[in-house]
C-alpha atoms as a PDB file:
ATOM      1  CA  MET A   1      97.703  73.387 131.317  1.00  0.00           C
ATOM      2  CA  ALA A   2      95.496  72.050 134.026  1.00  0.00           C
ATOM      3  CA  ALA A   3      91.875  71.790 133.157  1.00  0.00           C
ATOM      4  CA  GLU A   4      89.269  73.511 135.036  1.00  0.00           C
ATOM      5  CA  ASP A   5      86.708  71.913 137.320  1.00  0.00           C
ATOM      6  CA  PRO A   6      83.638  71.375 135.271  1.00  0.00           C
ATOM      7  CA  SER A   7      81.383  70.924 138.243  1.00  0.00           C
ATOM      8  CA  ALA A   8      82.016  74.553 139.370  1.00  0.00           C
ATOM      9  CA  LYS A   9      78.692  76.275 139.748  1.00  0.00           C
ATOM     10  CA  ARG A  10      80.183  79.655 140.501  1.00  0.00           C
ATOM     11  CA  LEU A  11      80.631  82.800 138.225  1.00  0.00           C
ATOM     12  CA  LEU A  12      84.282  83.982 137.852  1.00  0.00           C
ATOM     13  CA  ARG A  13      84.668  87.710 137.958  1.00  0.00           C
ATOM     14  CA  ALA A  14      87.729  90.093 137.410  1.00  0.00           C
ATOM     15  CA  ARG A  15      88.465  93.802 137.519  1.00  0.00           C
ATOM     16  CA  ALA A  16      91.539  95.740 136.305  1.00  0.00           C
ATOM     17  CA  PRO A  17      91.942  99.480 136.688  1.00  0.00           C
ATOM     18  CA  LEU A  18      92.697 101.903 133.994  1.00  0.00           C
ATOM     19  CA  ARG A  19      95.711 104.134 134.503  1.00  0.00           C
ATOM     20  CA  VAL A  20      96.937 107.933 134.094  1.00  0.00           C
ATOM     21  CA  SER A  21     100.433 108.304 132.827  1.00  0.00           C
ATOM     22  CA  PHE A  22     102.469 111.256 134.170  1.00  0.00           C
ATOM     23  CA  ALA A  23     105.701 110.955 132.222  1.00  0.00           C
ATOM     24  CA  GLY A  24     107.698 108.519 130.206  1.00  0.00           C
ATOM     25  CA  GLY A  25     105.005 107.312 127.724  1.00  0.00           C
ATOM     26  CA  GLY A  26     106.734 106.278 124.409  1.00  0.00           C
ATOM     27  CA  THR A  27     109.815 105.053 126.003  1.00  0.00           C
ATOM     28  CA  ASP A  28     108.195 101.744 126.541  1.00  0.00           C
ATOM     29  CA  VAL A  29     107.560 101.204 122.831  1.00  0.00           C
ATOM     30  CA  PRO A  30     110.052  98.996 120.991  1.00  0.00           C
ATOM     31  CA  PRO A  31     112.713  99.334 119.863  1.00  0.00           C
ATOM     32  CA  TYR A  32     113.521 102.193 122.274  1.00  0.00           C
ATOM     33  CA  PRO A  33     113.557 100.155 125.468  1.00  0.00           C
ATOM     34  CA  GLU A  34     116.104  97.626 123.940  1.00  0.00           C
ATOM     35  CA  GLU A  35     118.309 100.493 122.733  1.00  0.00           C
ATOM     36  CA  LYS A  36     118.082 103.046 125.358  1.00  0.00           C
ATOM     37  CA  GLY A  37     115.964 101.780 128.215  1.00  0.00           C
ATOM     38  CA  GLY A  38     112.588 103.208 129.122  1.00  0.00           C
ATOM     39  CA  LEU A  39     111.080 104.672 132.265  1.00  0.00           C
ATOM     40  CA  VAL A  40     107.443 105.339 133.009  1.00  0.00           C
ATOM     41  CA  LEU A  41     105.674 107.055 135.892  1.00  0.00           C
ATOM     42  CA  SER A  42     102.083 106.301 136.142  1.00  0.00           C
ATOM     43  CA  ALA A  43      99.102 105.482 138.677  1.00  0.00           C
ATOM     44  CA  THR A  44      95.988 103.604 138.432  1.00  0.00           C
ATOM     45  CA  ILE A  45      92.513 105.133 139.067  1.00  0.00           C
ATOM     46  CA  ASN A  46      89.025 103.805 140.208  1.00  0.00           C
ATOM     47  CA  GLN A  47      87.876 103.382 136.452  1.00  0.00           C
ATOM     48  CA  TYR A  48      87.922  99.814 135.490  1.00  0.00           C
ATOM     49  CA  ALA A  49      87.690  97.043 133.019  1.00  0.00           C
ATOM     50  CA  TYR A  50      85.223  94.382 134.138  1.00  0.00           C
ATOM     51  CA  GLY A  51      84.716  90.681 133.070  1.00  0.00           C
ATOM     52  CA  THR A  52      82.603  87.707 134.128  1.00  0.00           C
ATOM     53  CA  LEU A  53      83.032  84.181 132.940  1.00  0.00           C
ATOM     54  CA  SER A  54      80.456  81.365 133.355  1.00  0.00           C
ATOM     55  CA  THR A  55      81.279  77.848 132.374  1.00  0.00           C
ATOM     56  CA  ARG A  56      78.969  75.922 129.898  1.00  0.00           C
ATOM     57  CA  GLU A  57      78.337  72.235 129.397  1.00  0.00           C
ATOM     58  CA  ASP A  58      79.356  72.252 125.692  1.00  0.00           C
ATOM     59  CA  ARG A  59      82.419  73.603 123.949  1.00  0.00           C
ATOM     60  CA  GLN A  60      80.978  76.747 122.751  1.00  0.00           C
ATOM     61  CA  ILE A  61      82.177  80.328 123.434  1.00  0.00           C
ATOM     62  CA  GLY A  62      79.822  83.191 124.001  1.00  0.00           C
ATOM     63  CA  ILE A  63      80.884  86.712 124.057  1.00  0.00           C
ATOM     64  CA  GLN A  64      79.090  89.903 124.953  1.00  0.00           C
ATOM     65  CA  SER A  65      81.182  93.130 124.968  1.00  0.00           C
ATOM     66  CA  LEU A  66      79.336  96.211 125.696  1.00  0.00           C
ATOM     67  CA  ASP A  67      82.147  98.512 124.806  1.00  0.00           C
ATOM     68  CA  LEU A  68      82.507  97.007 121.265  1.00  0.00           C
ATOM     69  CA  ASP A  69      78.751  96.609 120.987  1.00  0.00           C
ATOM     70  CA  ALA A  70      79.408  93.001 119.951  1.00  0.00           C
ATOM     71  CA  VAL A  71      77.827  89.661 120.580  1.00  0.00           C
ATOM     72  CA  ALA A  72      79.324  86.443 119.125  1.00  0.00           C
ATOM     73  CA  SER A  73      79.224  82.752 119.504  1.00  0.00           C
ATOM     74  CA  PHE A  74      81.539  80.157 118.158  1.00  0.00           C
ATOM     75  CA  ALA A  75      83.131  76.807 119.029  1.00  0.00           C
ATOM     76  CA  LEU A  76      86.220  76.849 121.409  1.00  0.00           C
ATOM     77  CA  ASP A  77      88.458  75.400 118.511  1.00  0.00           C
ATOM     78  CA  GLU A  78      87.461  78.378 116.321  1.00  0.00           C
ATOM     79  CA  ALA A  79      88.729  81.066 118.761  1.00  0.00           C
ATOM     80  CA  GLU A  80      91.168  82.326 116.153  1.00  0.00           C
ATOM     81  CA  PRO A  81      91.783  86.068 115.615  1.00  0.00           C
ATOM     82  CA  ASP A  82      90.535  86.940 111.960  1.00  0.00           C
ATOM     83  CA  GLY A  83      90.890  90.698 111.884  1.00  0.00           C
ATOM     84  CA  ASP A  84      87.633  91.677 113.450  1.00  0.00           C
ATOM     85  CA  ARG A  85      87.019  93.717 116.626  1.00  0.00           C
ATOM     86  CA  LEU A  86      86.944  90.637 118.861  1.00  0.00           C
ATOM     87  CA  ASP A  87      90.489  89.638 118.152  1.00  0.00           C
ATOM     88  CA  LEU A  88      91.800  90.713 121.533  1.00  0.00           C
ATOM     89  CA  ILE A  89      89.319  88.467 123.268  1.00  0.00           C
ATOM     90  CA  LYS A  90      89.936  85.554 120.845  1.00  0.00           C
ATOM     91  CA  GLY A  91      93.609  85.931 121.241  1.00  0.00           C
ATOM     92  CA  ALA A  92      93.440  85.749 125.023  1.00  0.00           C
ATOM     93  CA  ILE A  93      91.273  82.651 124.768  1.00  0.00           C
ATOM     94  CA  ARG A  94      93.615  80.934 122.339  1.00  0.00           C
ATOM     95  CA  LYS A  95      96.562  81.765 124.555  1.00  0.00           C
ATOM     96  CA  LEU A  96      95.226  80.608 127.901  1.00  0.00           C
ATOM     97  CA  ALA A  97      92.186  78.522 127.371  1.00  0.00           C
ATOM     98  CA  ALA A  98      92.805  76.512 124.215  1.00  0.00           C
ATOM     99  CA  ASP A  99      92.874  73.302 126.364  1.00  0.00           C
ATOM    100  CA  SER A 100      89.690  73.929 128.271  1.00  0.00           C
ATOM    101  CA  GLU A 101      87.395  70.884 128.653  1.00  0.00           C
ATOM    102  CA  HIS A 102      84.304  73.146 128.573  1.00  0.00           C
ATOM    103  CA  GLY A 103      83.261  76.149 126.775  1.00  0.00           C
ATOM    104  CA  PHE A 104      82.145  79.424 128.540  1.00  0.00           C
ATOM    105  CA  ASP A 105      80.369  82.696 128.255  1.00  0.00           C
ATOM    106  CA  LEU A 106      82.222  86.040 128.690  1.00  0.00           C
ATOM    107  CA  PHE A 107      80.567  89.329 129.553  1.00  0.00           C
ATOM    108  CA  LEU A 108      82.880  92.324 129.428  1.00  0.00           C
ATOM    109  CA  HIS A 109      82.720  95.934 129.867  1.00  0.00           C
ATOM    110  CA  SER A 110      84.972  98.937 130.521  1.00  0.00           C
ATOM    111  CA  ALA A 111      84.663 102.534 132.006  1.00  0.00           C
ATOM    112  CA  ALA A 112      86.456 104.064 128.941  1.00  0.00           C
ATOM    113  CA  PRO A 113      86.478 103.131 125.192  1.00  0.00           C
ATOM    114  CA  PRO A 114      89.639 101.871 123.280  1.00  0.00           C
ATOM    115  CA  GLY A 115      91.947 104.704 122.269  1.00  0.00           C
ATOM    116  CA  SER A 116      90.906 106.853 125.197  1.00  0.00           C
ATOM    117  CA  GLY A 117      94.479 107.174 126.432  1.00  0.00           C
ATOM    118  CA  LEU A 118      93.714 105.415 129.813  1.00  0.00           C
ATOM    119  CA  GLY A 119      95.097 102.012 128.910  1.00  0.00           C
ATOM    120  CA  SER A 120      91.527 100.488 128.510  1.00  0.00           C
ATOM    121  CA  SER A 121      92.297  97.951 125.846  1.00  0.00           C
ATOM    122  CA  SER A 122      95.171  96.513 127.955  1.00  0.00           C
ATOM    123  CA  ALA A 123      93.015  96.648 131.006  1.00  0.00           C
ATOM    124  CA  VAL A 124      90.498  94.337 129.144  1.00  0.00           C
ATOM    125  CA  VAL A 125      93.260  91.926 128.264  1.00  0.00           C
ATOM    126  CA  VAL A 126      94.511  91.823 131.740  1.00  0.00           C
ATOM    127  CA  THR A 127      90.921  91.227 133.068  1.00  0.00           C
ATOM    128  CA  LEU A 128      90.717  88.329 130.577  1.00  0.00           C
ATOM    129  CA  VAL A 129      94.010  86.910 131.725  1.00  0.00           C
ATOM    130  CA  GLY A 130      92.654  86.964 135.237  1.00  0.00           C
ATOM    131  CA  LEU A 131      89.390  85.369 134.333  1.00  0.00           C
ATOM    132  CA  LEU A 132      90.968  82.611 132.115  1.00  0.00           C
ATOM    133  CA  ALA A 133      93.806  81.890 134.478  1.00  0.00           C
ATOM    134  CA  ASP A 134      91.293  81.258 137.229  1.00  0.00           C
ATOM    135  CA  HIS A 135      89.096  79.217 134.907  1.00  0.00           C
ATOM    136  CA  MET A 136      92.060  77.010 133.923  1.00  0.00           C
ATOM    137  CA  ARG A 137      93.367  76.897 137.589  1.00  0.00           C
ATOM    138  CA  MET A 138      96.687  78.412 136.565  1.00  0.00           C
ATOM    139  CA  SER A 139      98.916  79.734 139.260  1.00  0.00           C
ATOM    140  CA  LEU A 140     100.552  82.943 137.896  1.00  0.00           C
ATOM    141  CA  THR A 141     102.655  85.627 139.454  1.00  0.00           C
ATOM    142  CA  PRO A 142     101.779  89.410 138.784  1.00  0.00           C
ATOM    143  CA  TYR A 143     104.735  89.573 136.503  1.00  0.00           C
ATOM    144  CA  GLU A 144     103.420  86.483 134.573  1.00  0.00           C
ATOM    145  CA  LYS A 145     100.092  87.836 134.198  1.00  0.00           C
ATOM    146  CA  ALA A 146     101.204  91.231 132.903  1.00  0.00           C
ATOM    147  CA  HIS A 147     103.646  89.477 130.638  1.00  0.00           C
ATOM    148  CA  LEU A 148     100.860  87.208 129.234  1.00  0.00           C
ATOM    149  CA  ALA A 149      98.675  90.190 128.640  1.00  0.00           C
ATOM    150  CA  TYR A 150     101.553  91.962 126.776  1.00  0.00           C
ATOM    151  CA  THR A 151     102.182  88.926 124.773  1.00  0.00           C
ATOM    152  CA  VAL A 152      98.545  88.601 123.612  1.00  0.00           C
ATOM    153  CA  GLU A 153      98.192  92.213 122.590  1.00  0.00           C
ATOM    154  CA  ARG A 154     101.623  93.068 121.229  1.00  0.00           C
ATOM    155  CA  VAL A 155     103.288  90.003 120.089  1.00  0.00           C
ATOM    156  CA  ASP A 156     100.537  87.505 119.107  1.00  0.00           C
ATOM    157  CA  LEU A 157      98.092  90.066 117.590  1.00  0.00           C
ATOM    158  CA  GLY A 158     100.947  92.685 116.662  1.00  0.00           C
ATOM    159  CA  LEU A 159      98.986  95.616 117.912  1.00  0.00           C
ATOM    160  CA  LYS A 160     100.998  98.699 118.149  1.00  0.00           C
ATOM    161  CA  GLY A 161     101.786 100.096 121.686  1.00  0.00           C
ATOM    162  CA  GLY A 162     104.213 100.008 124.700  1.00  0.00           C
ATOM    163  CA  THR A 163     104.484  97.736 127.752  1.00  0.00           C
ATOM    164  CA  GLN A 164     103.351 100.064 130.542  1.00  0.00           C
ATOM    165  CA  ASP A 165      99.615  99.444 130.420  1.00  0.00           C
ATOM    166  CA  GLN A 166      99.548  95.721 131.174  1.00  0.00           C
ATOM    167  CA  TYR A 167     101.858  96.119 134.116  1.00  0.00           C
ATOM    168  CA  ALA A 168     100.035  99.082 135.586  1.00  0.00           C
ATOM    169  CA  ALA A 169      96.617  97.224 135.334  1.00  0.00           C
ATOM    170  CA  VAL A 170      98.052  94.107 137.028  1.00  0.00           C
ATOM    171  CA  PHE A 171     100.053  95.779 139.869  1.00  0.00           C
ATOM    172  CA  GLY A 172      97.881  98.849 140.510  1.00  0.00           C
ATOM    173  CA  GLY A 173      98.886 101.894 142.570  1.00  0.00           C
ATOM    174  CA  PHE A 174     101.597 104.511 141.818  1.00  0.00           C
ATOM    175  CA  ASN A 175     104.570 102.817 139.971  1.00  0.00           C
ATOM    176  CA  PHE A 176     107.830 103.779 138.629  1.00  0.00           C
ATOM    177  CA  ILE A 177     108.412 101.192 135.815  1.00  0.00           C
ATOM    178  CA  GLU A 178     111.638 100.361 134.140  1.00  0.00           C
ATOM    179  CA  PHE A 179     111.834  98.902 130.716  1.00  0.00           C
ATOM    180  CA  ARG A 180     115.410  97.337 130.034  1.00  0.00           C
ATOM    181  CA  GLY A 181     114.740  95.578 126.728  1.00  0.00           C
ATOM    182  CA  GLY A 182     113.319  92.223 125.870  1.00  0.00           C
ATOM    183  CA  ASP A 183     111.186  90.766 128.641  1.00  0.00           C
ATOM    184  CA  GLU A 184     112.992  92.712 131.427  1.00  0.00           C
ATOM    185  CA  VAL A 185     110.458  94.893 133.139  1.00  0.00           C
ATOM    186  CA  ILE A 186     110.948  96.107 136.701  1.00  0.00           C
ATOM    187  CA  VAL A 187     107.938  97.548 138.601  1.00  0.00           C
ATOM    188  CA  ASN A 188     108.878  99.711 141.501  1.00  0.00           C
ATOM    189  CA  PRO A 189     105.812 100.621 143.736  1.00  0.00           C
ATOM    190  CA  LEU A 190     105.956 104.101 145.163  1.00  0.00           C
ATOM    191  CA  ARG A 191     105.037 104.760 148.842  1.00  0.00           C
ATOM    192  CA  ILE A 192     103.338 108.005 148.241  1.00  0.00           C
ATOM    193  CA  PRO A 193     102.247 109.555 151.607  1.00  0.00           C
ATOM    194  CA  TRP A 194      98.515 109.418 152.286  1.00  0.00           C
ATOM    195  CA  ASP A 195      98.132 113.303 152.532  1.00  0.00           C
ATOM    196  CA  THR A 196      99.916 113.583 149.160  1.00  0.00           C
ATOM    197  CA  VAL A 197      97.511 111.284 147.387  1.00  0.00           C
ATOM    198  CA  GLN A 198      94.528 113.080 148.891  1.00  0.00           C
ATOM    199  CA  GLU A 199      95.944 116.492 147.712  1.00  0.00           C
ATOM    200  CA  LEU A 200      96.627 115.041 144.271  1.00  0.00           C
ATOM    201  CA  GLU A 201      93.035 113.866 143.929  1.00  0.00           C
ATOM    202  CA  TYR A 202      91.764 117.223 145.189  1.00  0.00           C
ATOM    203  CA  ASN A 203      93.683 119.187 142.630  1.00  0.00           C
ATOM    204  CA  LEU A 204      93.798 117.062 139.618  1.00  0.00           C
ATOM    205  CA  LEU A 205      91.249 117.316 136.881  1.00  0.00           C
ATOM    206  CA  LEU A 206      90.508 114.484 134.285  1.00  0.00           C
ATOM    207  CA  CYS A 207      88.516 115.684 131.274  1.00  0.00           C
ATOM    208  CA  PHE A 208      87.507 113.601 128.132  1.00  0.00           C
ATOM    209  CA  THR A 209      88.265 115.647 125.029  1.00  0.00           C
ATOM    210  CA  GLY A 210      85.453 113.957 123.326  1.00  0.00           C
ATOM    211  CA  ARG A 211      87.579 112.177 120.796  1.00  0.00           C
ATOM    212  CA  THR A 212      89.664 108.908 120.841  1.00  0.00           C
ATOM    213  CA  ARG A 213      92.896 108.238 118.919  1.00  0.00           C
ATOM    214  CA  VAL A 214      91.839 104.977 117.146  1.00  0.00           C
ATOM    215  CA  GLY A 215      93.205 105.125 113.565  1.00  0.00           C
ATOM    216  CA  ASP A 216      95.497 108.096 114.041  1.00  0.00           C
ATOM    217  CA  HIS A 217      98.761 105.991 113.645  1.00  0.00           C
ATOM    218  CA  ILE A 218     100.476 108.092 116.241  1.00  0.00           C
ATOM    219  CA  ILE A 219     102.658 105.417 117.673  1.00  0.00           C
ATOM    220  CA  ASP A 220     103.710 104.396 114.152  1.00  0.00           C
ATOM    221  CA  ASP A 221     104.756 108.038 113.389  1.00  0.00           C
ATOM    222  CA  GLN A 222     106.623 108.552 116.648  1.00  0.00           C
ATOM    223  CA  MET A 223     108.598 105.389 116.184  1.00  0.00           C
ATOM    224  CA  ASP A 224     109.311 105.942 112.537  1.00  0.00           C
ATOM    225  CA  ARG A 225     110.697 109.346 113.615  1.00  0.00           C
ATOM    226  CA  TYR A 226     112.831 107.799 116.370  1.00  0.00           C
ATOM    227  CA  ARG A 227     114.174 105.164 113.907  1.00  0.00           C
ATOM    228  CA  SER A 228     115.187 107.993 111.566  1.00  0.00           C
ATOM    229  CA  GLN A 229     116.773 109.805 114.503  1.00  0.00           C
ATOM    230  CA  SER A 230     114.626 112.875 114.281  1.00  0.00           C
ATOM    231  CA  THR A 231     116.459 115.277 116.764  1.00  0.00           C
ATOM    232  CA  SER A 232     112.969 116.513 118.161  1.00  0.00           C
ATOM    233  CA  THR A 233     111.727 113.047 118.727  1.00  0.00           C
ATOM    234  CA  VAL A 234     114.855 111.753 120.312  1.00  0.00           C
ATOM    235  CA  ASP A 235     115.146 114.706 122.598  1.00  0.00           C
ATOM    236  CA  GLY A 236     111.575 114.445 123.550  1.00  0.00           C
ATOM    237  CA  MET A 237     111.824 110.896 124.462  1.00  0.00           C
ATOM    238  CA  GLU A 238     115.061 111.416 126.436  1.00  0.00           C
ATOM    239  CA  MET A 239     113.484 114.382 128.392  1.00  0.00           C
ATOM    240  CA  GLN A 240     110.425 112.008 129.075  1.00  0.00           C
ATOM    241  CA  LYS A 241     112.700 109.775 131.129  1.00  0.00           C
ATOM    242  CA  GLU A 242     114.336 112.655 132.942  1.00  0.00           C
ATOM    243  CA  LEU A 243     111.080 114.146 133.888  1.00  0.00           C
ATOM    244  CA  ALA A 244     109.730 110.717 135.026  1.00  0.00           C
ATOM    245  CA  VAL A 245     112.440 110.819 137.572  1.00  0.00           C
ATOM    246  CA  GLU A 246     111.986 114.410 138.553  1.00  0.00           C
ATOM    247  CA  MET A 247     108.222 113.894 138.922  1.00  0.00           C
ATOM    248  CA  LYS A 248     108.721 110.722 140.961  1.00  0.00           C
ATOM    249  CA  ASN A 249     110.957 112.608 143.343  1.00  0.00           C
ATOM    250  CA  ALA A 250     108.372 115.492 143.592  1.00  0.00           C
ATOM    251  CA  LEU A 251     105.729 113.131 144.588  1.00  0.00           C
ATOM    252  CA  LEU A 252     107.814 111.378 147.254  1.00  0.00           C
ATOM    253  CA  ARG A 253     108.756 114.848 148.610  1.00  0.00           C
ATOM    254  CA  ASP A 254     105.163 116.011 148.663  1.00  0.00           C
ATOM    255  CA  ASN A 255     106.171 118.955 146.130  1.00  0.00           C
ATOM    256  CA  LEU A 256     102.891 118.985 144.239  1.00  0.00           C
ATOM    257  CA  THR A 257     103.222 122.464 142.851  1.00  0.00           C
ATOM    258  CA  GLY A 258     106.437 121.333 141.361  1.00  0.00           C
ATOM    259  CA  PHE A 259     104.728 118.158 140.228  1.00  0.00           C
ATOM    260  CA  GLY A 260     102.079 120.203 138.335  1.00  0.00           C
ATOM    261  CA  GLU A 261     104.710 122.297 136.603  1.00  0.00           C
ATOM    262  CA  LEU A 262     106.619 119.109 135.580  1.00  0.00           C
ATOM    263  CA  LEU A 263     103.500 117.848 134.108  1.00  0.00           C
ATOM    264  CA  GLY A 264     103.198 120.554 131.893  1.00  0.00           C
ATOM    265  CA  ARG A 265     106.944 120.287 130.877  1.00  0.00           C
ATOM    266  CA  ALA A 266     106.304 116.606 130.212  1.00  0.00           C
ATOM    267  CA  TRP A 267     103.580 117.755 127.773  1.00  0.00           C
ATOM    268  CA  ASP A 268     105.859 120.142 125.990  1.00  0.00           C
ATOM    269  CA  TYR A 269     108.418 117.403 125.286  1.00  0.00           C
ATOM    270  CA  LYS A 270     105.814 114.791 124.497  1.00  0.00           C
ATOM    271  CA  LYS A 271     104.605 117.042 121.725  1.00  0.00           C
ATOM    272  CA  GLN A 272     108.089 117.037 120.271  1.00  0.00           C
ATOM    273  CA  MET A 273     107.860 113.262 119.661  1.00  0.00           C
ATOM    274  CA  SER A 274     105.290 113.499 116.857  1.00  0.00           C
ATOM    275  CA  PRO A 275     103.182 116.286 115.308  1.00  0.00           C
ATOM    276  CA  LYS A 276     100.149 113.921 115.658  1.00  0.00           C
ATOM    277  CA  ILE A 277     100.304 114.040 119.417  1.00  0.00           C
ATOM    278  CA  SER A 278      98.331 117.201 119.751  1.00  0.00           C
ATOM    279  CA  ASN A 279      95.924 119.063 117.554  1.00  0.00           C
ATOM    280  CA  SER A 280      93.971 122.377 117.531  1.00  0.00           C
ATOM    281  CA  GLN A 281      91.246 121.168 119.787  1.00  0.00           C
ATOM    282  CA  ILE A 282      93.621 119.868 122.413  1.00  0.00           C
ATOM    283  CA  ASP A 283      95.730 123.050 122.177  1.00  0.00           C
ATOM    284  CA  GLU A 284      92.601 125.143 122.668  1.00  0.00           C
ATOM    285  CA  LEU A 285      91.532 123.096 125.689  1.00  0.00           C
ATOM    286  CA  TYR A 286      95.086 123.296 127.272  1.00  0.00           C
ATOM    287  CA  GLU A 287      95.507 126.945 126.776  1.00  0.00           C
ATOM    288  CA  GLU A 288      92.045 127.623 128.234  1.00  0.00           C
ATOM    289  CA  ALA A 289      92.774 125.521 131.245  1.00  0.00           C
ATOM    290  CA  ILE A 290      96.013 127.363 131.909  1.00  0.00           C
ATOM    291  CA  LYS A 291      94.273 130.699 131.528  1.00  0.00           C
ATOM    292  CA  HIS A 292      91.812 129.767 134.163  1.00  0.00           C
ATOM    293  CA  GLY A 293      94.285 128.519 136.640  1.00  0.00           C
ATOM    294  CA  ALA A 294      95.832 125.087 135.798  1.00  0.00           C
ATOM    295  CA  ILE A 295      99.476 124.846 136.759  1.00  0.00           C
ATOM    296  CA  GLY A 296     100.265 122.336 134.192  1.00  0.00           C
ATOM    297  CA  GLY A 297      98.891 119.199 132.431  1.00  0.00           C
ATOM    298  CA  LYS A 298      99.110 116.763 129.595  1.00  0.00           C
ATOM    299  CA  VAL A 299      97.097 114.339 127.391  1.00  0.00           C
ATOM    300  CA  THR A 300      97.415 110.929 129.115  1.00  0.00           C
ATOM    301  CA  GLY A 301      98.119 108.163 126.545  1.00  0.00           C
ATOM    302  CA  ALA A 302      99.612 108.480 123.030  1.00  0.00           C
ATOM    303  CA  GLY A 303      97.806 111.600 122.307  1.00  0.00           C
ATOM    304  CA  GLY A 304      95.661 112.875 119.543  1.00  0.00           C
ATOM    305  CA  GLY A 305      92.539 112.739 121.677  1.00  0.00           C
ATOM    306  CA  GLY A 306      91.488 110.864 124.956  1.00  0.00           C
ATOM    307  CA  TYR A 307      91.682 112.440 128.168  1.00  0.00           C
ATOM    308  CA  LEU A 308      93.458 115.717 129.364  1.00  0.00           C
ATOM    309  CA  LEU A 309      95.013 115.492 132.893  1.00  0.00           C
ATOM    310  CA  LEU A 310      95.518 118.878 134.684  1.00  0.00           C
ATOM    311  CA  TYR A 311      97.063 119.900 138.004  1.00  0.00           C
ATOM    312  CA  CYS A 312      95.074 122.997 139.105  1.00  0.00           C
ATOM    313  CA  ARG A 313      95.329 125.379 141.954  1.00  0.00           C
ATOM    314  CA  TYR A 314      92.828 124.291 144.654  1.00  0.00           C
ATOM    315  CA  ASP A 315      90.801 127.497 144.243  1.00  0.00           C
ATOM    316  CA  ALA A 316      90.825 127.499 140.476  1.00  0.00           C
ATOM    317  CA  LYS A 317      89.869 123.857 139.690  1.00  0.00           C
ATOM    318  CA  HIS A 318      86.230 124.670 139.560  1.00  0.00           C
ATOM    319  CA  LYS A 319      86.962 127.512 137.069  1.00  0.00           C
ATOM    320  CA  VAL A 320      89.095 125.261 134.938  1.00  0.00           C
ATOM    321  CA  ARG A 321      86.394 122.591 134.898  1.00  0.00           C
ATOM    322  CA  ALA A 322      83.608 125.098 133.827  1.00  0.00           C
ATOM    323  CA  ALA A 323      85.850 126.567 131.038  1.00  0.00           C
ATOM    324  CA  LEU A 324      86.598 123.205 129.616  1.00  0.00           C
ATOM    325  CA  ASP A 325      82.954 122.083 130.018  1.00  0.00           C
ATOM    326  CA  ALA A 326      81.995 125.017 127.844  1.00  0.00           C
ATOM    327  CA  LEU A 327      84.321 123.778 125.096  1.00  0.00           C
ATOM    328  CA  GLY A 328      82.770 120.368 125.318  1.00  0.00           C
ATOM    329  CA  ALA A 329      85.254 118.497 127.425  1.00  0.00           C
ATOM    330  CA  GLU A 330      83.578 116.357 130.054  1.00  0.00           C
ATOM    331  CA  ALA A 331      85.268 116.191 133.519  1.00  0.00           C
ATOM    332  CA  VAL A 332      85.389 112.662 135.145  1.00  0.00           C
ATOM    333  CA  ASP A 333      85.719 112.508 138.953  1.00  0.00           C
ATOM    334  CA  PHE A 334      88.187 109.784 140.069  1.00  0.00           C
ATOM    335  CA  GLN A 335      90.231 108.439 142.907  1.00  0.00           C
ATOM    336  CA  PHE A 336      93.419 106.516 142.799  1.00  0.00           C
ATOM    337  CA  ASP A 337      93.283 102.714 142.900  1.00  0.00           C
ATOM    338  CA  ASN A 338      96.016 100.728 144.932  1.00  0.00           C
ATOM    339  CA  VAL A 339      94.973  97.146 144.260  1.00  0.00           C
ATOM    340  CA  GLY A 340      95.471  96.376 140.541  1.00  0.00           C
ATOM    341  CA  LEU A 341      93.778  93.250 138.982  1.00  0.00           C
ATOM    342  CA  VAL A 342      91.489  91.440 141.254  1.00  0.00           C
ATOM    343  CA  THR A 343      89.467  88.164 140.723  1.00  0.00           C
ATOM    344  CA  TRP A 344      86.785  86.505 142.678  1.00  0.00           C
ATOM    345  CA  SER A 345      83.862  84.066 142.324  1.00  0.00           C
ATOM    346  CA  HIS A 346      80.135  84.278 143.058  1.00  0.00           C
ATOM    347  CA  ALA A 347      77.445  81.679 143.287  1.00  0.00           C
ATOM    348  CA  ARG A 348      75.083  81.572 140.224  1.00  0.00           C
ATOM    349  CA  ASP A 349      71.748  82.862 140.765  1.00  0.00           C
END
């Protein structure tokens, strides 16, 4: 790897978007893609993971992570994951910047906590890949960046999860992503009409349930059931793929009422994949949303908590929002992001 220019007097910055998943989540988790092929429909939003890198004159690494409430300092040669909460950061440093001639300071923060169902952990890794690749003057394609982020998170560190989040954060926008096993991932950007995107933003409601899924082992349970060929799990995953196709077609044809209904069907089949995906709190929130005018919705991400995404009638969205607020669910205003990972530099003050 080429070394960075030690005379650089600029701050490197990066930003990667979080995402909402509409259908297909779970079919990107091994061994399913290798055996049957996975499909995911998702879109990125204007909630981001941010990072700043400033080069040092020594070979020390300084880390400040607002999301993890962590500050650390160690020698570059000691950037080895050791089971603590900074392993994702250390893993990315080891993967991309082990040959750096100089140390650096990292400042990281994200709009959502880990386990929120918006792909925030992967967005942080993608942000680190962007920063460290620029620091090391590496020329990488979007596919290479996404694959590197995937490798750090899922292969090197062995963290459970799928492949969609890294590719969504790098590419940005509305994507229909195919997982064909191994390293074969195909990102199909969708040309959704501008009016359709505006209408989606107007009618969609994103609410934080107040709970993350960290420690719930939902993905483990889901894939154990798939390996044992649980009928409900296998059928649920097959339907996720079918619904991803149907929802893609509904978006392209501007059939948003149909899209909202399909979102609800995707949730019904997602719950078949593991009993841990929903719980009494989520069920209550969802039932209350439907009662007040939501057409359909689902938990975005693995489940068990995080964010509830709902498609509402335009004249009922405020009622749904008020009803969920009364139950402690916090609505988050958002717009869709079409850019994906970006990096830039700025002169030090």
